[in-house]
Each structure stands twice: as structure tokens, then as C-alpha cells.
C-alpha atoms as a PDB file:
ATOM      1  CA  UNK A   1      -0.062   0.002   0.214  1.00  0.00           C
ATOM      2  CA  UNK A   2       1.530   3.092  -1.368  1.00  0.00           C
ATOM      3  CA  UNK A   3       0.932   6.487  -2.157  1.00  0.00           C
ATOM      4  CA  UNK A   4      -2.966   6.581  -0.990  1.00  0.00           C
ATOM      5  CA  UNK A   5      -3.993   3.605  -2.818  1.00  0.00           C
ATOM      6  CA  UNK A   6      -4.762   0.264  -1.950  1.00  0.00           C
ATOM      7  CA  UNK A   7      -4.360  -3.037  -4.065  1.00  0.00           C
ATOM      8  CA  UNK A   8      -6.027  -5.396  -2.430  1.00  0.00           C
ATOM      9  CA  UNK A   9      -5.913  -9.100  -3.618  1.00  0.00           C
ATOM     10  CA  UNK A  10      -8.061 -11.869  -2.427  1.00  0.00           C
ATOM     11  CA  UNK A  11      -7.492 -15.430  -3.175  1.00  0.00           C
ATOM     12  CA  UNK A  12     -10.871 -17.099  -4.140  1.00  0.00           C
ATOM     13  CA  UNK A  13     -11.612 -20.552  -4.782  1.00  0.00           C
ATOM     14  CA  UNK A  14     -14.011 -22.887  -6.443  1.00  0.00           C
ATOM     15  CA  UNK A  15     -15.749 -22.978  -9.759  1.00  0.00           C
ATOM     16  CA  UNK A  16     -17.193 -20.151 -11.102  1.00  0.00           C
ATOM     17  CA  UNK A  17     -15.388 -17.553  -9.299  1.00  0.00           C
ATOM     18  CA  UNK A  18     -13.036 -14.424 -10.088  1.00  0.00           C
ATOM     19  CA  UNK A  19      -9.631 -14.977 -10.956  1.00  0.00           C
ATOM     20  CA  UNK A  20      -7.497 -16.132  -8.179  1.00  0.00           C
ATOM     21  CA  UNK A  21      -5.584 -13.030  -6.915  1.00  0.00           C
ATOM     22  CA  UNK A  22      -7.818 -10.426  -7.789  1.00  0.00           C
ATOM     23  CA  UNK A  23     -10.554  -9.129  -5.421  1.00  0.00           C
ATOM     24  CA  UNK A  24     -14.412  -8.535  -6.668  1.00  0.00           C
ATOM     25  CA  UNK A  25     -15.770  -4.779  -7.058  1.00  0.00           C
ATOM     26  CA  UNK A  26     -17.879  -4.976  -4.009  1.00  0.00           C
ATOM     27  CA  UNK A  27     -14.649  -6.279  -1.790  1.00  0.00           C
ATOM     28  CA  UNK A  28     -12.647  -3.334  -3.541  1.00  0.00           C
ATOM     29  CA  UNK A  29     -15.649  -0.676  -2.238  1.00  0.00           C
ATOM     30  CA  UNK A  30     -15.635  -2.461   1.358  1.00  0.00           C
ATOM     31  CA  UNK A  31     -12.021  -2.275   1.975  1.00  0.00           C
ATOM     32  CA  UNK A  32     -11.592   1.286   0.501  1.00  0.00           C
ATOM     33  CA  UNK A  33     -14.274   2.693   2.971  1.00  0.00           C
ATOM     34  CA  UNK A  34     -12.735   0.485   6.074  1.00  0.00           C
ATOM     35  CA  UNK A  35      -9.611   2.684   5.088  1.00  0.00           C
ATOM     36  CA  UNK A  36     -11.119   5.789   4.736  1.00  0.00           C
ATOM     37  CA  UNK A  37     -12.909   5.694   8.293  1.00  0.00           C
ATOM     38  CA  UNK A  38      -9.883   4.225  10.291  1.00  0.00           C
ATOM     39  CA  UNK A  39      -7.485   6.918   8.675  1.00  0.00           C
ATOM     40  CA  UNK A  40      -4.180   5.474   6.530  1.00  0.00           C
ATOM     41  CA  UNK A  41      -0.817   6.317   7.632  1.00  0.00           C
ATOM     42  CA  UNK A  42       1.515   8.484   5.685  1.00  0.00           C
ATOM     43  CA  UNK A  43       4.246   6.759   4.222  1.00  0.00           C
ATOM     44  CA  UNK A  44       7.565   5.891   5.917  1.00  0.00           C
ATOM     45  CA  UNK A  45       5.555   6.033   9.680  1.00  0.00           C
ATOM     46  CA  UNK A  46       4.772   9.519   9.322  1.00  0.00           C
ATOM     47  CA  UNK A  47       1.477  11.221  10.952  1.00  0.00           C
ATOM     48  CA  UNK A  48      -1.964  10.208   9.616  1.00  0.00           C
ATOM     49  CA  UNK A  49      -3.402  12.573   7.002  1.00  0.00           C
ATOM     50  CA  UNK A  50      -6.166  14.814   8.233  1.00  0.00           C
ATOM     51  CA  UNK A  51      -9.519  13.828   7.214  1.00  0.00           C
ATOM     52  CA  UNK A  52     -11.669  15.791   4.294  1.00  0.00           C
ATOM     53  CA  UNK A  53     -13.762  18.515   5.689  1.00  0.00           C
ATOM     54  CA  UNK A  54     -17.082  19.239   4.364  1.00  0.00           C
ATOM     55  CA  UNK A  55     -17.725  22.240   2.244  1.00  0.00           C
ATOM     56  CA  UNK A  56     -20.674  24.465   4.050  1.00  0.00           C
ATOM     57  CA  UNK A  57     -22.141  27.953   3.013  1.00  0.00           C
ATOM     58  CA  UNK A  58     -20.430  31.225   3.853  1.00  0.00           C
ATOM     59  CA  UNK A  59     -21.666  34.469   5.425  1.00  0.00           C
ATOM     60  CA  UNK A  60     -21.868  36.384   2.285  1.00  0.00           C
ATOM     61  CA  UNK A  61     -24.336  33.416   0.993  1.00  0.00           C
ATOM     62  CA  UNK A  62     -26.506  33.405   4.211  1.00  0.00           C
ATOM     63  CA  UNK A  63     -27.045  37.125   3.700  1.00  0.00           C
ATOM     64  CA  UNK A  64     -27.901  37.051   0.436  1.00  0.00           C
ATOM     65  CA  UNK A  65     -30.473  34.379   0.802  1.00  0.00           C
ATOM     66  CA  UNK A  66     -31.836  36.242   3.795  1.00  0.00           C
ATOM     67  CA  UNK A  67     -32.083  39.017   1.685  1.00  0.00           C
ATOM     68  CA  UNK A  68     -34.037  37.307  -0.895  1.00  0.00           C
ATOM     69  CA  UNK A  69     -36.374  35.929   1.380  1.00  0.00           C
ATOM     70  CA  UNK A  70     -37.097  39.169   3.084  1.00  0.00           C
ATOM     71  CA  UNK A  71     -37.861  40.984  -0.260  1.00  0.00           C
ATOM     72  CA  UNK A  72     -40.295  38.081  -1.077  1.00  0.00           C
ATOM     73  CA  UNK A  73     -42.318  38.097   2.144  1.00  0.00           C
ATOM     74  CA  UNK A  74     -42.283  41.803   1.870  1.00  0.00           C
ATOM     75  CA  UNK A  75     -43.883  41.610  -1.640  1.00  0.00           C
ATOM     76  CA  UNK A  76     -46.475  39.147  -0.434  1.00  0.00           C
ATOM     77  CA  UNK A  77     -47.360  40.985   2.297  1.00  0.00           C
ATOM     78  CA  UNK A  78     -48.200  43.943   0.352  1.00  0.00           C
ATOM     79  CA  UNK A  79     -49.568  42.460  -2.429  1.00  0.00           C
ATOM     80  CA  UNK A  80     -52.088  41.166   0.672  1.00  0.00           C
ATOM     81  CA  UNK A  81     -52.216  44.794   2.387  1.00  0.00           C
ATOM     82  CA  UNK A  82     -53.478  45.964  -1.010  1.00  0.00           C
ATOM     83  CA  UNK A  83     -56.086  43.567  -1.677  1.00  0.00           C
ATOM     84  CA  UNK A  84     -57.592  43.949   1.877  1.00  0.00           C
ATOM     85  CA  UNK A  85     -57.833  47.368   1.298  1.00  0.00           C
ATOM     86  CA  UNK A  86     -59.491  47.679  -2.119  1.00  0.00           C
ATOM     87  CA  UNK A  87     -62.155  44.838  -0.391  1.00  0.00           C
ATOM     88  CA  UNK A  88     -62.742  47.553   2.337  1.00  0.00           C
ATOM     89  CA  UNK A  89     -62.645  50.126   0.134  1.00  0.00           C
ATOM     90  CA  UNK A  90     -65.256  48.024  -2.102  1.00  0.00           C
ATOM     91  CA  UNK A  91     -67.933  47.780   1.153  1.00  0.00           C
ATOM     92  CA  UNK A  92     -67.603  51.125   1.977  1.00  0.00           C
ATOM     93  CA  UNK A  93     -68.697  52.135  -1.314  1.00  0.00           C
ATOM     94  CA  UNK A  94     -71.267  50.237  -1.866  1.00  0.00           C
ATOM     95  CA  UNK A  95     -72.736  51.016   1.605  1.00  0.00           C
ATOM     96  CA  UNK A  96     -72.603  54.443   0.916  1.00  0.00           C
ATOM     97  CA  UNK A  97     -73.990  53.952  -2.237  1.00  0.00           C
ATOM     98  CA  UNK A  98     -77.178  52.114  -0.847  1.00  0.00           C
ATOM     99  CA  UNK A  99     -77.298  55.256   1.557  1.00  0.00           C
ATOM    100  CA  UNK A 100     -77.338  57.846  -0.910  1.00  0.00           C
ATOM    101  CA  UNK A 101     -79.600  55.985  -3.191  1.00  0.00           C
ATOM    102  CA  UNK A 102     -82.309  56.071  -0.232  1.00  0.00           C
ATOM    103  CA  UNK A 103     -81.935  59.399   0.533  1.00  0.00           C
ATOM    104  CA  UNK A 104     -82.115  60.333  -2.972  1.00  0.00           C
ATOM    105  CA  UNK A 105     -85.621  58.613  -3.523  1.00  0.00           C
ATOM    106  CA  UNK A 106     -86.808  60.092   0.146  1.00  0.00           C
ATOM    107  CA  UNK A 107     -86.217  63.807  -1.643  1.00  0.00           C
ATOM    108  CA  UNK A 108     -87.125  63.322  -4.738  1.00  0.00           C
ATOM    109  CA  UNK A 109     -90.696  61.726  -3.394  1.00  0.00           C
ATOM    110  CA  UNK A 110     -90.908  64.188  -0.950  1.00  0.00           C
ATOM    111  CA  UNK A 111     -89.826  67.396  -3.320  1.00  0.00           C
ATOM    112  CA  UNK A 112     -91.840  66.317  -6.361  1.00  0.00           C
ATOM    113  CA  UNK A 113     -94.800  65.987  -3.994  1.00  0.00           C
ATOM    114  CA  UNK A 114     -94.775  69.565  -2.539  1.00  0.00           C
ATOM    115  CA  UNK A 115     -98.133  71.274  -1.942  1.00  0.00           C
ATOM    116  CA  UNK A 116     -98.509  74.788  -1.934  1.00  0.00           C
ATOM    117  CA  UNK A 117    -100.087  74.478   1.633  1.00  0.00           C
ATOM    118  CA  UNK A 118    -101.530  78.056   2.492  1.00  0.00           C
ATOM    119  CA  UNK A 119    -100.126  79.773   5.338  1.00  0.00           C
ATOM    120  CA  UNK A 120    -101.308  82.924   7.160  1.00  0.00           C
ATOM    121  CA  UNK A 121     -99.268  85.088   9.478  1.00  0.00           C
ATOM    122  CA  UNK A 122     -99.849  87.309  12.165  1.00  0.00           C
ATOM    123  CA  UNK A 123    -100.220  90.502   9.832  1.00  0.00           C
ATOM    124  CA  UNK A 124    -102.841  88.210   7.615  1.00  0.00           C
ATOM    125  CA  UNK A 125    -100.453  87.800   4.832  1.00  0.00           C
ATOM    126  CA  UNK A 126    -101.635  84.775   2.743  1.00  0.00           C
ATOM    127  CA  UNK A 127     -98.940  82.692   0.946  1.00  0.00           C
ATOM    128  CA  UNK A 128     -97.254  79.464   0.007  1.00  0.00           C
ATOM    129  CA  UNK A 129     -95.571  77.435   2.738  1.00  0.00           C
ATOM    130  CA  UNK A 130     -91.657  77.355   1.282  1.00  0.00           C
ATOM    131  CA  UNK A 131     -89.055  78.076   3.045  1.00  0.00           C
ATOM    132  CA  UNK A 132     -85.230  76.997   2.308  1.00  0.00           C
ATOM    133  CA  UNK A 133     -81.604  78.336   2.395  1.00  0.00           C
ATOM    134  CA  UNK A 134     -78.240  76.662   1.380  1.00  0.00           C
ATOM    135  CA  UNK A 135     -78.344  74.217   4.819  1.00  0.00           C
ATOM    136  CA  UNK A 136     -81.979  73.608   5.618  1.00  0.00           C
ATOM    137  CA  UNK A 137     -85.597  73.430   3.764  1.00  0.00           C
ATOM    138  CA  UNK A 138     -88.925  73.293   5.192  1.00  0.00           C
ATOM    139  CA  UNK A 139     -92.540  72.971   3.258  1.00  0.00           C
ATOM    140  CA  UNK A 140     -95.391  70.715   3.051  1.00  0.00           C
ATOM    141  CA  UNK A 141     -95.375  67.367   1.517  1.00  0.00           C
ATOM    142  CA  UNK A 142     -98.102  65.131   0.189  1.00  0.00           C
ATOM    143  CA  UNK A 143     -95.268  61.752   0.810  1.00  0.00           C
ATOM    144  CA  UNK A 144     -95.110  61.806   4.476  1.00  0.00           C
ATOM    145  CA  UNK A 145     -92.885  58.689   5.492  1.00  0.00           C
ATOM    146  CA  UNK A 146     -94.822  57.534   8.336  1.00  0.00           C
ATOM    147  CA  UNK A 147     -98.478  56.462   8.519  1.00  0.00           C
ATOM    148  CA  UNK A 148     -98.850  55.464   4.508  1.00  0.00           C
ATOM    149  CA  UNK A 149     -98.684  59.250   3.485  1.00  0.00           C
ATOM    150  CA  UNK A 150    -100.703  62.076   3.844  1.00  0.00           C
ATOM    151  CA  UNK A 151     -99.967  65.927   4.026  1.00  0.00           C
ATOM    152  CA  UNK A 152     -97.056  66.617   6.353  1.00  0.00           C
ATOM    153  CA  UNK A 153     -94.472  69.241   7.064  1.00  0.00           C
ATOM    154  CA  UNK A 154     -91.087  68.189   6.671  1.00  0.00           C
ATOM    155  CA  UNK A 155     -88.127  69.987   7.811  1.00  0.00           C
ATOM    156  CA  UNK A 156     -84.294  69.425   6.538  1.00  0.00           C
ATOM    157  CA  UNK A 157     -81.462  70.230   7.879  1.00  0.00           C
ATOM    158  CA  UNK A 158     -77.734  69.823   7.465  1.00  0.00           C
ATOM    159  CA  UNK A 159     -76.063  69.259  10.912  1.00  0.00           C
ATOM    160  CA  UNK A 160     -72.279  69.679  11.664  1.00  0.00           C
ATOM    161  CA  UNK A 161     -69.747  67.640  13.819  1.00  0.00           C
ATOM    162  CA  UNK A 162     -70.051  64.971  12.195  1.00  0.00           C
ATOM    163  CA  UNK A 163     -71.971  66.629   8.738  1.00  0.00           C
ATOM    164  CA  UNK A 164     -75.150  64.638   8.659  1.00  0.00           C
ATOM    165  CA  UNK A 165     -78.903  65.732   6.966  1.00  0.00           C
ATOM    166  CA  UNK A 166     -81.817  65.598   9.484  1.00  0.00           C
ATOM    167  CA  UNK A 167     -85.251  65.075   8.645  1.00  0.00           C
ATOM    168  CA  UNK A 168     -88.513  65.764  10.339  1.00  0.00           C
ATOM    169  CA  UNK A 169     -91.642  65.656   9.888  1.00  0.00           C
ATOM    170  CA  UNK A 170     -94.876  67.095  11.800  1.00  0.00           C
ATOM    171  CA  UNK A 171     -98.637  65.709  11.016  1.00  0.00           C
ATOM    172  CA  UNK A 172    -100.192  67.905  13.107  1.00  0.00           C
ATOM    173  CA  UNK A 173    -100.365  71.996  11.868  1.00  0.00           C
ATOM    174  CA  UNK A 174    -102.439  74.813  10.626  1.00  0.00           C
ATOM    175  CA  UNK A 175    -101.988  77.569   8.364  1.00  0.00           C
ATOM    176  CA  UNK A 176    -101.777  80.066  11.167  1.00  0.00           C
ATOM    177  CA  UNK A 177     -99.617  77.663  13.180  1.00  0.00           C
ATOM    178  CA  UNK A 178     -97.472  77.448  10.164  1.00  0.00           C
ATOM    179  CA  UNK A 179     -97.203  81.068   9.910  1.00  0.00           C
ATOM    180  CA  UNK A 180     -96.388  81.831  13.742  1.00  0.00           C
ATOM    181  CA  UNK A 181     -94.281  79.284  14.404  1.00  0.00           C
ATOM    182  CA  UNK A 182     -90.523  79.485  13.695  1.00  0.00           C
ATOM    183  CA  UNK A 183     -89.421  78.139  10.389  1.00  0.00           C
ATOM    184  CA  UNK A 184     -86.638  75.566  11.567  1.00  0.00           C
ATOM    185  CA  UNK A 185     -88.808  74.241  14.382  1.00  0.00           C
ATOM    186  CA  UNK A 186     -88.248  70.920  14.270  1.00  0.00           C
ATOM    187  CA  UNK A 187     -91.262  68.050  13.912  1.00  0.00           C
ATOM    188  CA  UNK A 188     -92.132  65.315  16.306  1.00  0.00           C
ATOM    189  CA  UNK A 189     -90.261  62.967  14.549  1.00  0.00           C
ATOM    190  CA  UNK A 190     -86.774  62.902  13.369  1.00  0.00           C
ATOM    191  CA  UNK A 191     -84.124  60.132  11.692  1.00  0.00           C
ATOM    192  CA  UNK A 192     -80.623  60.898  10.239  1.00  0.00           C
ATOM    193  CA  UNK A 193     -80.926  60.652   6.369  1.00  0.00           C
ATOM    194  CA  UNK A 194     -77.742  60.757   5.263  1.00  0.00           C
ATOM    195  CA  UNK A 195     -74.059  61.130   6.786  1.00  0.00           C
ATOM    196  CA  UNK A 196     -70.210  60.756   5.630  1.00  0.00           C
ATOM    197  CA  UNK A 197     -69.919  63.305   3.301  1.00  0.00           C
ATOM    198  CA  UNK A 198     -67.876  66.535   3.412  1.00  0.00           C
ATOM    199  CA  UNK A 199     -70.804  69.275   2.411  1.00  0.00           C
ATOM    200  CA  UNK A 200     -74.230  69.683   1.763  1.00  0.00           C
ATOM    201  CA  UNK A 201     -76.185  72.512  -0.062  1.00  0.00           C
ATOM    202  CA  UNK A 202     -79.407  73.162  -1.639  1.00  0.00           C
ATOM    203  CA  UNK A 203     -80.655  75.188  -4.480  1.00  0.00           C
ATOM    204  CA  UNK A 204     -83.664  76.461  -5.786  1.00  0.00           C
ATOM    205  CA  UNK A 205     -85.358  77.291  -9.205  1.00  0.00           C
ATOM    206  CA  UNK A 206     -87.505  80.742 -10.066  1.00  0.00           C
ATOM    207  CA  UNK A 207     -88.763  80.117 -13.056  1.00  0.00           C
ATOM    208  CA  UNK A 208     -90.947  82.514 -15.196  1.00  0.00           C
ATOM    209  CA  UNK A 209     -91.745  80.286 -18.025  1.00  0.00           C
ATOM    210  CA  UNK A 210     -89.089  81.592 -20.051  1.00  0.00           C
ATOM    211  CA  UNK A 211     -85.853  82.257 -17.907  1.00  0.00           C
ATOM    212  CA  UNK A 212     -84.518  80.333 -14.839  1.00  0.00           C
ATOM    213  CA  UNK A 213     -82.694  81.530 -12.187  1.00  0.00           C
ATOM    214  CA  UNK A 214     -81.023  79.223  -9.603  1.00  0.00           C
ATOM    215  CA  UNK A 215     -80.959  81.261  -5.764  1.00  0.00           C
ATOM    216  CA  UNK A 216     -78.971  79.742  -2.673  1.00  0.00           C
ATOM    217  CA  UNK A 217     -82.442  80.854  -0.412  1.00  0.00           C
ATOM    218  CA  UNK A 218     -86.192  80.849  -1.263  1.00  0.00           C
ATOM    219  CA  UNK A 219     -88.983  82.710   0.965  1.00  0.00           C
ATOM    220  CA  UNK A 220     -92.461  81.645   0.199  1.00  0.00           C
ATOM    221  CA  UNK A 221     -94.026  84.788   1.667  1.00  0.00           C
ATOM    222  CA  UNK A 222     -91.341  87.448  -0.380  1.00  0.00           C
ATOM    223  CA  UNK A 223     -91.983  85.344  -3.658  1.00  0.00           C
ATOM    224  CA  UNK A 224     -95.351  84.494  -3.221  1.00  0.00           C
ATOM    225  CA  UNK A 225     -94.718  80.993  -5.081  1.00  0.00           C
ATOM    226  CA  UNK A 226     -93.342  77.741  -4.760  1.00  0.00           C
ATOM    227  CA  UNK A 227     -89.386  77.242  -6.673  1.00  0.00           C
ATOM    228  CA  UNK A 228     -89.701  75.362  -9.522  1.00  0.00           C
ATOM    229  CA  UNK A 229     -87.302  72.730  -8.688  1.00  0.00           C
ATOM    230  CA  UNK A 230     -84.758  71.942  -6.104  1.00  0.00           C
ATOM    231  CA  UNK A 231     -80.956  70.891  -6.709  1.00  0.00           C
ATOM    232  CA  UNK A 232     -79.343  69.136  -3.875  1.00  0.00           C
ATOM    233  CA  UNK A 233     -75.512  69.134  -4.669  1.00  0.00           C
ATOM    234  CA  UNK A 234     -73.258  66.514  -2.079  1.00  0.00           C
ATOM    235  CA  UNK A 235     -69.665  66.710  -1.708  1.00  0.00           C
ATOM    236  CA  UNK A 236     -66.898  64.086  -0.548  1.00  0.00           C
ATOM    237  CA  UNK A 237     -69.003  60.865  -0.020  1.00  0.00           C
ATOM    238  CA  UNK A 238     -66.419  58.054   0.300  1.00  0.00           C
ATOM    239  CA  UNK A 239     -66.329  55.332  -2.124  1.00  0.00           C
ATOM    240  CA  UNK A 240     -67.967  57.667  -4.901  1.00  0.00           C
ATOM    241  CA  UNK A 241     -66.319  57.736  -8.598  1.00  0.00           C
ATOM    242  CA  UNK A 242     -67.623  61.205  -8.559  1.00  0.00           C
ATOM    243  CA  UNK A 243     -66.099  64.226  -6.177  1.00  0.00           C
ATOM    244  CA  UNK A 244     -70.035  65.501  -6.301  1.00  0.00           C
ATOM    245  CA  UNK A 245     -73.204  64.287  -6.617  1.00  0.00           C
ATOM    246  CA  UNK A 246     -76.182  66.438  -7.762  1.00  0.00           C
ATOM    247  CA  UNK A 247     -79.680  65.993  -8.496  1.00  0.00           C
ATOM    248  CA  UNK A 248     -82.425  68.129  -9.640  1.00  0.00           C
ATOM    249  CA  UNK A 249     -85.743  67.994  -8.676  1.00  0.00           C
ATOM    250  CA  UNK A 250     -88.787  69.795  -9.941  1.00  0.00           C
ATOM    251  CA  UNK A 251     -91.921  70.091  -8.140  1.00  0.00           C
ATOM    252  CA  UNK A 252     -94.745  69.106 -10.047  1.00  0.00           C
ATOM    253  CA  UNK A 253     -97.283  71.490  -8.509  1.00  0.00           C
ATOM    254  CA  UNK A 254     -95.499  73.819 -10.414  1.00  0.00           C
ATOM    255  CA  UNK A 255     -95.366  72.209 -13.735  1.00  0.00           C
ATOM    256  CA  UNK A 256     -99.019  70.575 -13.992  1.00  0.00           C
ATOM    257  CA  UNK A 257    -100.956  72.629 -11.512  1.00  0.00           C
ATOM    258  CA  UNK A 258    -103.371  75.280 -12.876  1.00  0.00           C
ATOM    259  CA  UNK A 259    -101.731  78.084 -11.299  1.00  0.00           C
ATOM    260  CA  UNK A 260     -98.163  76.863 -11.930  1.00  0.00           C
ATOM    261  CA  UNK A 261     -96.161  77.477  -8.608  1.00  0.00           C
ATOM    262  CA  UNK A 262     -98.292  80.619  -7.353  1.00  0.00           C
ATOM    263  CA  UNK A 263    -101.472  80.575  -5.280  1.00  0.00           C
ATOM    264  CA  UNK A 264    -104.842  79.684  -6.606  1.00  0.00           C
ATOM    265  CA  UNK A 265    -108.070  81.506  -5.818  1.00  0.00           C
ATOM    266  CA  UNK A 266    -109.306  78.349  -4.522  1.00  0.00           C
ATOM    267  CA  UNK A 267    -106.340  77.748  -2.392  1.00  0.00           C
ATOM    268  CA  UNK A 268    -106.966  81.421  -0.792  1.00  0.00           C
ATOM    269  CA  UNK A 269    -110.676  81.201  -0.145  1.00  0.00           C
ATOM    270  CA  UNK A 270    -110.035  77.777   1.719  1.00  0.00           C
ATOM    271  CA  UNK A 271    -108.085  79.866   4.568  1.00  0.00           C
ATOM    272  CA  UNK A 272    -111.315  82.495   4.442  1.00  0.00           C
ATOM    273  CA  UNK A 273    -113.899  79.629   4.681  1.00  0.00           C
ATOM    274  CA  UNK A 274    -111.712  78.223   7.419  1.00  0.00           C
ATOM    275  CA  UNK A 275    -112.148  81.281   9.357  1.00  0.00           C
ATOM    276  CA  UNK A 276    -115.946  81.622   8.690  1.00  0.00           C
ATOM    277  CA  UNK A 277    -116.572  78.114  10.139  1.00  0.00           C
ATOM    278  CA  UNK A 278    -114.879  79.007  13.042  1.00  0.00           C
ATOM    279  CA  UNK A 279    -117.005  82.272  13.373  1.00  0.00           C
ATOM    280  CA  UNK A 280    -120.181  80.047  13.252  1.00  0.00           C
ATOM    281  CA  UNK A 281    -118.731  77.712  15.991  1.00  0.00           C
ATOM    282  CA  UNK A 282    -118.266  80.497  18.151  1.00  0.00           C
ATOM    283  CA  UNK A 283    -121.386  82.148  17.431  1.00  0.00           C
ATOM    284  CA  UNK A 284    -123.150  78.542  17.636  1.00  0.00           C
ATOM    285  CA  UNK A 285    -121.706  78.211  21.318  1.00  0.00           C
ATOM    286  CA  UNK A 286    -122.892  81.656  22.229  1.00  0.00           C
ATOM    287  CA  UNK A 287    -119.548  83.578  21.061  1.00  0.00           C
ATOM    288  CA  UNK A 288    -116.962  85.842  22.371  1.00  0.00           C
ATOM    289  CA  UNK A 289    -115.209  84.843  25.313  1.00  0.00           C
ATOM    290  CA  UNK A 290    -116.500  82.316  27.776  1.00  0.00           C
ATOM    291  CA  UNK A 291    -116.898  83.843  31.332  1.00  0.00           C
ATOM    292  CA  UNK A 292    -114.570  82.026  33.384  1.00  0.00           C
ATOM    293  CA  UNK A 293    -116.081  80.849  37.409  1.00  0.00           C
ATOM    294  CA  UNK A 294    -114.201  84.073  38.868  1.00  0.00           C
ATOM    295  CA  UNK A 295    -115.949  86.871  36.669  1.00  0.00           C
ATOM    296  CA  UNK A 296    -119.710  88.321  37.410  1.00  0.00           C
ATOM    297  CA  UNK A 297    -122.690  87.009  34.637  1.00  0.00           C
END
């Protein structure tokens, strides 16, 4: 044995075996394995040869592998985060679109059904009840939300902190009561119709049959008529594709009524008839002021 190479000679006997003096391949492999495990001595009785070391990963390779793994994890997390945000934005957009549709349906139905209800103030002035500003609106409509409809006084008000549109209704009113109570007095029943927007504004159309003009305020006493239409503009609704949503709602009485947006003679006479009925009731009951128990007869 010399030079690190072992020649193995194994004598075999018997018919069919390999030639005498030569080892089979299996025997050669076993011999070499034993020699490698036990170590071989250097020639001439020197120290044994050092074992062959197995090659591992260097520090640079480990750093590069960790960097690549971190990049892959970051990309996967970013894609997952974007997907979650997209789903959340989609849900918000659907909810806000549904709320806007409900609010628009209520506004359209009630404004279209505006009634030129005759009102009388303390000065005995007769005029249709409709008052509006950029952030509030009060009128009488035939499309009440509760009780299956009917005439109700409805008030819309834009509140702050947070911005929201509040609607209130009142089913108990009279010409004199409407003309003497504050216009922005809320009704008995109120509800938040829409919220989550940045700004909401009302505008009112003045039409003489030829020209039209949009105004930021409306006073039924001064105009002596109803507006021909109401425009609603809402800004900053989350989830909508447009920054501003707007709707022009016509007042059907102005377009299909006999007297247009103004009061008819029949409407004015109805108030006078109501006064005459009250006078007859007073006369039938003795008329005048009923004496109190403390007053002499």
C-alpha cells in the first residue's frame, strides 16, 4: 500500500469465482471504506493524513439568502395588504351608495309632492309655505314617510360635527300655526337621512316660464310662490367615483298645476272659509269669550 492507493488481492476458490489473486468490485469498495474510516498512515511511518472537511455555506451566501427571502415576504405582504384595502374600500363604497340611493329616493319623492299649502302670518298675509336656505329646507308635502303618506310638514337640516342630513316630520299643523312658528322648528319625528359627506347644499329655481334662475335661498312669503325645482349637491361621499353628486328635482305642482307655482284663488278662499267656519262655531256656542267662574255674569 503506497501513495494512498490500496491494491487488494483476495484469493478465491471454487468454480465460477473470479480469477485467483484479484478481488471483486464489492470487496474493493468495502476495503476502501474501511481504510477511509480508520485513516491511513503516511508513508515511512509519518503522522496520519487529516480527514477531508465537508464544504458549508459562507456568511455572504447566508446574508444573500435572507435578503432574498425578506424581499419575497415583503412583496407577498404588500399584495395581501392591497387586496384587503381594496375589499374594504369596495364595501364602504357599496354601503355609501346604498345610503345615498335611499336618501335620494326620499328627497325626490317628497320634493316632487310639494303642496302649495296656504299659510297666514300675524299680519294676515297669505302665501304658500316653502322656506329654504343653503343648508335647510321646510315645506308641506303629500308624501309623508309614516302613516302611509298624507300631508306632513317636513324639515331638512344639515348638521355639523359630524356632517349629516336630518329630516323631521310633523303631521299636526294649521295655516296660522305655520305662519307664526319658527320656520326651522323640527317636527315630532326625526331621523338621520344621510351622513359621512363633506358638504351638502340646496338651491332653488325661480322660473317665470321663459327664464330660470338658481338661488341659494327661498322665501315663500316674499316670492308668493313655490320654487320650480330644487337642486341638491353633495360633496365628498367616500367611495363614489365622482367628487360631487347632484340632482335637480322638479316640483310637480309648478309644472302641472292650474296656477303654476303660485296660489290659486281656491287655495286662498279655503283659508277664508276656514275662518268663517270657526266664527259659526263660536256663534253657535254663545260666541265671544266664555266667562270664567271668577267673573260675574
